[in-house]
Amino acid sequence: MAFAYSNSSSFPPKRGQIKAQIFESLAKTVVSRASKLGKAVGRIIGEGGSGSGSGGSASSTPPPSAYNSDGNSDVS
């Protein structure tokens, strides 16, 4: 009974190669998530934390309105 052997045999990976691949994948994931989190925090801080999505900050001047908060200042 004859067995057919191939010339190229498959060896297990070199020592530490699997750990290196796992840590490389983990590092890429952490960097990607941190980058996305940093962008989200930057948008929130850029909006002044208002959360309205208008892009204005809380310290900006509000839009003018017809309401006069001075009361009857024009009446003497």
N, C-alpha and C. Protein backbone atom coordinates (compact mmCIF):
# COMPACT_ATOMS: atom_id res chain seq x y z
N MET A 1 0.84 -1.16 0.00
CA MET A 1 0.00 0.00 0.00
C MET A 1 0.89 1.23 0.00
N ALA A 2 0.71 2.10 -0.96
CA ALA A 2 1.56 3.27 -1.13
C ALA A 2 0.82 4.51 -0.64
N PHE A 3 1.54 5.38 0.04
CA PHE A 3 0.98 6.64 0.52
C PHE A 3 1.55 7.78 -0.30
N ALA A 4 0.69 8.71 -0.62
CA ALA A 4 1.14 9.87 -1.39
C ALA A 4 1.47 11.00 -0.41
N TYR A 5 2.72 11.39 -0.37
CA TYR A 5 3.15 12.49 0.48
C TYR A 5 3.44 13.70 -0.39
N SER A 6 3.04 14.85 0.09
CA SER A 6 3.35 16.06 -0.67
C SER A 6 4.71 16.58 -0.18
N ASN A 7 5.35 17.31 -1.03
CA ASN A 7 6.67 17.86 -0.69
C ASN A 7 6.56 19.01 0.30
N SER A 8 5.44 19.70 0.29
CA SER A 8 5.28 20.83 1.23
C SER A 8 4.45 20.37 2.41
N SER A 9 5.05 20.41 3.57
CA SER A 9 4.32 20.03 4.76
C SER A 9 3.93 21.29 5.53
N SER A 10 2.86 21.21 6.26
CA SER A 10 2.35 22.35 7.00
C SER A 10 2.83 22.26 8.44
N PHE A 11 3.59 23.26 8.86
CA PHE A 11 4.08 23.31 10.22
C PHE A 11 3.23 24.31 11.01
N PRO A 12 3.16 24.13 12.30
CA PRO A 12 2.44 25.12 13.11
C PRO A 12 3.19 26.45 13.08
N PRO A 13 2.52 27.54 13.40
CA PRO A 13 3.18 28.84 13.36
C PRO A 13 4.33 28.91 14.36
N LYS A 14 5.27 29.82 14.08
CA LYS A 14 6.41 29.97 14.97
C LYS A 14 5.95 30.46 16.34
N ARG A 15 6.80 30.21 17.31
CA ARG A 15 6.47 30.54 18.70
C ARG A 15 6.16 32.03 18.85
N GLY A 16 5.00 32.34 19.41
CA GLY A 16 4.62 33.73 19.66
C GLY A 16 3.88 34.39 18.51
N GLN A 17 3.80 33.75 17.38
CA GLN A 17 3.18 34.37 16.21
C GLN A 17 1.67 34.55 16.42
N ILE A 18 1.01 33.61 17.04
CA ILE A 18 -0.42 33.70 17.28
C ILE A 18 -0.71 34.85 18.25
N LYS A 19 0.07 34.94 19.34
CA LYS A 19 -0.12 36.03 20.29
C LYS A 19 0.12 37.38 19.61
N ALA A 20 1.12 37.44 18.77
CA ALA A 20 1.42 38.69 18.07
C ALA A 20 0.25 39.11 17.18
N GLN A 21 -0.35 38.15 16.49
CA GLN A 21 -1.50 38.46 15.64
C GLN A 21 -2.70 38.91 16.48
N ILE A 22 -2.91 38.27 17.61
CA ILE A 22 -4.03 38.65 18.49
C ILE A 22 -3.83 40.06 19.01
N PHE A 23 -2.63 40.37 19.52
CA PHE A 23 -2.38 41.70 20.07
C PHE A 23 -2.40 42.77 18.98
N GLU A 24 -1.96 42.44 17.77
CA GLU A 24 -2.01 43.40 16.67
C GLU A 24 -3.47 43.72 16.33
N SER A 25 -4.30 42.71 16.28
CA SER A 25 -5.72 42.92 16.01
C SER A 25 -6.38 43.72 17.13
N LEU A 26 -6.04 43.40 18.37
CA LEU A 26 -6.58 44.12 19.52
C LEU A 26 -6.16 45.59 19.50
N ALA A 27 -4.90 45.84 19.18
CA ALA A 27 -4.40 47.22 19.13
C ALA A 27 -5.12 48.02 18.04
N LYS A 28 -5.34 47.42 16.90
CA LYS A 28 -6.05 48.12 15.81
C LYS A 28 -7.48 48.45 16.23
N THR A 29 -8.12 47.52 16.92
CA THR A 29 -9.49 47.75 17.38
C THR A 29 -9.54 48.88 18.41
N VAL A 30 -8.61 48.86 19.35
CA VAL A 30 -8.59 49.90 20.39
C VAL A 30 -8.33 51.27 19.77
N VAL A 31 -7.40 51.37 18.85
CA VAL A 31 -7.10 52.64 18.21
C VAL A 31 -8.30 53.13 17.41
N SER A 32 -8.97 52.25 16.72
CA SER A 32 -10.14 52.62 15.93
C SER A 32 -11.26 53.14 16.83
N ARG A 33 -11.54 52.43 17.90
CA ARG A 33 -12.60 52.85 18.83
C ARG A 33 -12.24 54.16 19.51
N ALA A 34 -10.98 54.32 19.91
CA ALA A 34 -10.56 55.55 20.58
C ALA A 34 -10.66 56.74 19.62
N SER A 35 -10.35 56.51 18.36
CA SER A 35 -10.45 57.57 17.37
C SER A 35 -11.90 58.00 17.19
N LYS A 36 -12.79 57.04 17.10
CA LYS A 36 -14.22 57.36 16.95
C LYS A 36 -14.74 58.08 18.18
N LEU A 37 -14.32 57.64 19.36
CA LEU A 37 -14.75 58.28 20.61
C LEU A 37 -14.22 59.71 20.68
N GLY A 38 -12.97 59.90 20.27
CA GLY A 38 -12.38 61.24 20.28
C GLY A 38 -13.12 62.19 19.36
N LYS A 39 -13.52 61.71 18.20
CA LYS A 39 -14.28 62.55 17.26
C LYS A 39 -15.64 62.92 17.84
N ALA A 40 -16.30 61.96 18.49
CA ALA A 40 -17.61 62.23 19.08
C ALA A 40 -17.49 63.24 20.22
N VAL A 41 -16.48 63.09 21.06
CA VAL A 41 -16.28 64.03 22.17
C VAL A 41 -15.95 65.41 21.61
N GLY A 42 -15.16 65.46 20.56
CA GLY A 42 -14.83 66.75 19.94
C GLY A 42 -16.06 67.45 19.40
N ARG A 43 -16.98 66.69 18.83
CA ARG A 43 -18.22 67.30 18.33
C ARG A 43 -19.06 67.83 19.48
N ILE A 44 -19.12 67.08 20.57
CA ILE A 44 -19.92 67.50 21.72
C ILE A 44 -19.31 68.77 22.33
N ILE A 45 -18.01 68.79 22.50
CA ILE A 45 -17.35 69.96 23.07
C ILE A 45 -17.48 71.15 22.12
N GLY A 46 -17.39 70.90 20.82
CA GLY A 46 -17.53 71.97 19.83
C GLY A 46 -18.90 72.59 19.83
N GLU A 47 -19.91 71.83 20.23
CA GLU A 47 -21.28 72.35 20.28
C GLU A 47 -21.56 73.01 21.62
N GLY A 48 -20.62 73.03 22.50
CA GLY A 48 -20.83 73.62 23.80
C GLY A 48 -21.65 72.75 24.72
N GLY A 49 -21.79 71.48 24.37
CA GLY A 49 -22.56 70.58 25.21
C GLY A 49 -24.05 70.79 25.12
N SER A 50 -24.50 71.62 24.17
CA SER A 50 -25.93 71.90 24.08
C SER A 50 -26.71 70.71 23.57
N GLY A 51 -26.10 69.91 22.74
CA GLY A 51 -26.76 68.73 22.23
C GLY A 51 -27.82 69.02 21.19
N SER A 52 -27.96 70.28 20.80
CA SER A 52 -29.00 70.63 19.84
C SER A 52 -28.58 70.32 18.41
N GLY A 53 -27.29 70.19 18.19
CA GLY A 53 -26.83 69.87 16.85
C GLY A 53 -26.73 71.09 15.95
N SER A 54 -26.96 72.28 16.49
CA SER A 54 -26.92 73.47 15.65
C SER A 54 -25.50 73.96 15.45
N GLY A 55 -24.57 73.51 16.26
CA GLY A 55 -23.20 73.91 16.11
C GLY A 55 -22.86 75.16 16.91
N GLY A 56 -23.83 75.81 17.53
CA GLY A 56 -23.57 76.99 18.33
C GLY A 56 -23.14 76.61 19.72
N SER A 57 -22.48 77.53 20.41
CA SER A 57 -22.08 77.23 21.78
C SER A 57 -23.05 77.89 22.74
N ALA A 58 -22.99 77.50 23.99
CA ALA A 58 -23.92 78.01 24.99
C ALA A 58 -23.66 79.48 25.28
N SER A 59 -22.46 79.98 24.98
CA SER A 59 -22.13 81.36 25.30
C SER A 59 -22.45 82.32 24.15
N SER A 60 -22.97 81.83 23.05
CA SER A 60 -23.27 82.70 21.92
C SER A 60 -24.54 83.51 22.18
N THR A 61 -24.68 84.60 21.46
CA THR A 61 -25.84 85.46 21.62
C THR A 61 -27.07 84.78 21.05
N PRO A 62 -28.17 84.77 21.79
CA PRO A 62 -29.38 84.13 21.28
C PRO A 62 -29.97 84.94 20.13
N PRO A 63 -30.78 84.32 19.30
CA PRO A 63 -31.37 85.05 18.18
C PRO A 63 -32.34 86.12 18.69
N PRO A 64 -32.48 87.21 17.95
CA PRO A 64 -33.39 88.27 18.39
C PRO A 64 -34.84 87.79 18.36
N SER A 65 -35.63 88.34 19.26
CA SER A 65 -37.04 87.98 19.29
C SER A 65 -37.88 89.25 19.44
N ALA A 66 -39.17 89.14 19.26
CA ALA A 66 -40.07 90.28 19.36
C ALA A 66 -40.39 90.61 20.82
N TYR A 67 -40.01 89.72 21.72
CA TYR A 67 -40.30 89.92 23.13
C TYR A 67 -39.29 90.91 23.72
N ASN A 68 -39.78 91.88 24.44
CA ASN A 68 -38.92 92.86 25.08
C ASN A 68 -38.88 92.54 26.56
N SER A 69 -37.75 92.10 27.05
CA SER A 69 -37.64 91.71 28.45
C SER A 69 -37.40 92.88 29.39
N ASP A 70 -37.26 94.09 28.85
CA ASP A 70 -37.04 95.27 29.69
C ASP A 70 -38.33 95.78 30.32
N GLY A 71 -39.43 95.23 29.99
CA GLY A 71 -40.71 95.66 30.53
C GLY A 71 -41.20 96.90 29.82
N ASN A 72 -41.61 97.88 30.57
CA ASN A 72 -42.13 99.13 30.00
C ASN A 72 -41.08 100.23 30.02
N SER A 73 -39.89 99.94 29.53
CA SER A 73 -38.80 100.91 29.60
C SER A 73 -39.04 102.09 28.65
N ASP A 74 -39.85 101.91 27.61
CA ASP A 74 -40.07 103.00 26.66
C ASP A 74 -41.19 103.94 27.13
N VAL A 75 -41.89 103.62 28.21
CA VAL A 75 -42.94 104.46 28.75
C VAL A 75 -42.36 105.27 29.89
N SER A 76 -42.54 106.62 29.87
CA SER A 76 -42.00 107.48 30.92
C SER A 76 -42.97 107.70 32.02
